[in-house]
Amino acid sequence: MPDETPPEEETPKERADRELIELLNELRVVLPGVTVLLAFLLAVPFANGWTRVTSFQRDVFVVAFLSTAVAVALLTAPSSYHRLRFRHGDKERIVRIGNRLSIAGIAASAVSLEAVVLLVVDSVVSRGAAIGAAAALFGVVVSLWYGLPLWARLRDRSAR
């Protein structure tokens, strides 16, 4: 957008406004996927055949279900916090707290994603394949969700 103020020329208020909009837009992308996963997991125990699960599968399901519920709570919290505090004139604090809640929510969704892959592959293929798939996914998630941003941060620091 050509009319935007370059970030280095922003006032602190403009920066906080922009960062809050970016945060809330990112949550609009992440939250629906986690919410759909929670809805799917809510239905699983009531499906035909659920009684034939192993104790391992039941335990993995509980981890998946609870971590998904925690992810939804954490990823929804920044919007709620903003709604309750936006007229108090401290957007920088809202952005800072919202950022931390979002990072925690994304971490919880990583746990739920791992657990769901472990559960499904264990049910469909085998325990060994499930562990392999979950380990491979763990590598992908850690690399893309955490490694890539941390690498960029280190690269930016060394460029200064």
Protein backbone atom coordinates (compact mmCIF):
# COMPACT_ATOMS: atom_id res chain seq x y z
CA MET A 1 0.00 0.00 0.00
CA PRO A 2 1.77 3.15 -1.19
CA ASP A 3 0.12 5.52 1.34
CA GLU A 4 1.47 3.67 4.38
CA THR A 5 4.01 5.33 6.63
CA PRO A 6 7.32 3.45 6.54
CA PRO A 7 7.83 1.60 9.88
CA GLU A 8 10.90 3.71 10.75
CA GLU A 9 8.74 6.86 10.54
CA GLU A 10 5.85 5.55 12.66
CA THR A 11 4.91 7.14 15.92
CA PRO A 12 4.69 4.74 18.90
CA LYS A 13 0.88 4.93 18.67
CA GLU A 14 0.90 4.14 14.93
CA ARG A 15 3.24 1.24 15.55
CA ALA A 16 1.05 -0.19 18.32
CA ASP A 17 -2.04 0.21 16.12
CA ARG A 18 -0.34 -1.58 13.21
CA GLU A 19 1.05 -4.37 15.38
CA LEU A 20 -2.35 -4.96 16.99
CA ILE A 21 -4.04 -5.18 13.58
CA GLU A 22 -1.35 -7.61 12.39
CA LEU A 23 -1.73 -9.75 15.52
CA LEU A 24 -5.52 -9.94 15.23
CA ASN A 25 -5.28 -10.74 11.51
CA GLU A 26 -2.82 -13.57 12.21
CA LEU A 27 -5.20 -14.97 14.82
CA ARG A 28 -8.00 -14.93 12.23
CA VAL A 29 -5.86 -17.30 10.17
CA VAL A 30 -4.77 -19.67 12.95
CA LEU A 31 -7.87 -19.90 15.11
CA PRO A 32 -10.32 -21.46 12.61
CA GLY A 33 -8.03 -24.45 12.00
CA VAL A 34 -7.58 -25.13 15.69
CA THR A 35 -11.30 -24.68 16.30
CA VAL A 36 -12.16 -27.17 13.54
CA LEU A 37 -9.73 -29.64 15.08
CA LEU A 38 -11.42 -29.20 18.46
CA ALA A 39 -14.84 -29.80 16.87
CA PHE A 40 -13.53 -32.97 15.22
CA LEU A 41 -12.07 -34.20 18.51
CA LEU A 42 -15.34 -33.48 20.32
CA ALA A 43 -17.08 -35.96 18.01
CA VAL A 44 -14.49 -38.76 18.19
CA PRO A 45 -15.53 -40.40 21.49
CA PHE A 46 -19.12 -40.63 20.28
CA ALA A 47 -18.26 -42.35 16.99
CA ASN A 48 -18.91 -46.01 16.37
CA GLY A 49 -15.82 -48.05 17.13
CA TRP A 50 -14.40 -45.70 19.76
CA THR A 51 -14.75 -48.45 22.37
CA ARG A 52 -12.15 -50.50 20.46
CA VAL A 53 -9.29 -48.07 21.14
CA THR A 54 -6.23 -49.07 23.11
CA SER A 55 -5.26 -47.36 26.35
CA PHE A 56 -2.38 -45.71 24.44
CA GLN A 57 -4.80 -44.29 21.88
CA ARG A 58 -7.14 -43.09 24.64
CA ASP A 59 -4.25 -41.33 26.40
CA VAL A 60 -3.05 -39.72 23.16
CA PHE A 61 -6.62 -38.60 22.45
CA VAL A 62 -6.87 -36.93 25.86
CA VAL A 63 -3.59 -35.08 25.20
CA ALA A 64 -4.84 -34.02 21.75
CA PHE A 65 -8.21 -32.90 23.07
CA LEU A 66 -6.89 -30.96 26.06
CA SER A 67 -4.03 -29.31 24.17
CA THR A 68 -6.45 -28.25 21.42
CA ALA A 69 -8.83 -26.79 24.00
CA VAL A 70 -5.92 -24.92 25.60
CA ALA A 71 -4.83 -23.68 22.16
CA VAL A 72 -8.32 -22.33 21.44
CA ALA A 73 -8.38 -20.59 24.83
CA LEU A 74 -4.93 -19.04 24.35
CA LEU A 75 -5.55 -17.98 20.75
CA THR A 76 -8.90 -16.42 21.65
CA ALA A 77 -7.51 -14.59 24.69
CA PRO A 78 -5.84 -11.70 22.79
CA SER A 79 -9.15 -10.71 21.21
CA SER A 80 -10.92 -10.87 24.54
CA TYR A 81 -8.14 -8.94 26.25
CA HIS A 82 -8.30 -6.30 23.53
CA ARG A 83 -12.09 -6.00 23.84
CA LEU A 84 -11.89 -5.51 27.60
CA ARG A 85 -8.89 -3.15 27.60
CA PHE A 86 -8.92 -1.22 24.30
CA ARG A 87 -10.31 2.01 25.78
CA HIS A 88 -7.68 2.16 28.51
CA GLY A 89 -5.00 3.65 26.26
CA ASP A 90 -2.35 0.95 26.57
CA LYS A 91 -2.22 -0.72 23.15
CA GLU A 92 1.46 -1.53 23.51
CA ARG A 93 0.65 -3.68 26.54
CA ILE A 94 -2.26 -5.29 24.69
CA VAL A 95 0.08 -6.15 21.80
CA ARG A 96 2.80 -7.48 24.15
CA ILE A 97 0.40 -9.69 26.12
CA GLY A 98 -1.47 -10.75 22.96
CA ASN A 99 1.81 -11.75 21.35
CA ARG A 100 2.77 -13.94 24.31
CA LEU A 101 -0.67 -15.56 24.43
CA SER A 102 -0.52 -16.22 20.69
CA ILE A 103 2.92 -17.82 20.89
CA ALA A 104 1.70 -20.05 23.74
CA GLY A 105 -1.44 -20.91 21.74
CA ILE A 106 0.62 -21.85 18.69
CA ALA A 107 2.81 -24.06 20.90
CA ALA A 108 -0.31 -25.75 22.32
CA SER A 109 -1.62 -26.27 18.79
CA ALA A 110 1.71 -27.90 17.87
CA VAL A 111 1.20 -30.37 20.72
CA SER A 112 -2.36 -31.09 19.56
CA LEU A 113 -1.24 -31.53 15.95
CA GLU A 114 1.46 -33.98 17.02
CA ALA A 115 -0.99 -35.93 19.18
CA VAL A 116 -3.62 -36.12 16.43
CA VAL A 117 -1.08 -37.42 13.91
CA LEU A 118 0.15 -39.96 16.46
CA LEU A 119 -3.43 -41.08 17.18
CA VAL A 120 -4.60 -41.34 13.57
CA VAL A 121 -1.52 -43.09 12.19
CA ASP A 122 -1.49 -45.49 15.15
CA SER A 123 -5.17 -46.32 14.48
CA VAL A 124 -4.78 -46.69 10.73
CA VAL A 125 -1.27 -48.12 10.23
CA SER A 126 0.82 -49.08 13.27
CA ARG A 127 2.44 -47.72 16.40
CA GLY A 128 5.88 -47.63 14.76
CA ALA A 129 4.56 -45.73 11.74
CA ALA A 130 2.73 -43.36 14.10
CA ILE A 131 5.89 -42.60 16.05
CA GLY A 132 7.81 -42.06 12.81
CA ALA A 133 5.13 -39.77 11.38
CA ALA A 134 4.88 -37.78 14.60
CA ALA A 135 8.67 -37.45 14.79
CA ALA A 136 8.86 -36.28 11.17
CA LEU A 137 6.06 -33.79 11.76
CA PHE A 138 7.82 -32.60 14.90
CA GLY A 139 10.89 -31.83 12.81
CA VAL A 140 8.81 -29.93 10.26
CA VAL A 141 6.92 -27.94 12.92
CA VAL A 142 10.03 -27.06 14.91
CA SER A 143 11.89 -26.08 11.74
CA LEU A 144 9.14 -23.95 10.20
CA TRP A 145 7.32 -22.54 13.22
CA TYR A 146 10.33 -21.87 15.46
CA GLY A 147 13.62 -22.57 13.68
CA LEU A 148 12.98 -20.38 10.66
CA PRO A 149 11.99 -17.27 12.67
CA LEU A 150 14.86 -17.79 15.13
CA TRP A 151 17.33 -18.24 12.28
CA ALA A 152 16.07 -15.01 10.67
CA ARG A 153 16.46 -13.22 14.01
CA LEU A 154 20.05 -14.43 14.37
CA ARG A 155 20.79 -13.47 10.79
CA ASP A 156 19.34 -9.98 11.39
CA ARG A 157 21.48 -9.56 14.52
CA SER A 158 24.66 -10.56 12.72
CA ALA A 159 23.87 -8.15 9.85
CA ARG A 160 23.90 -5.15 12.21
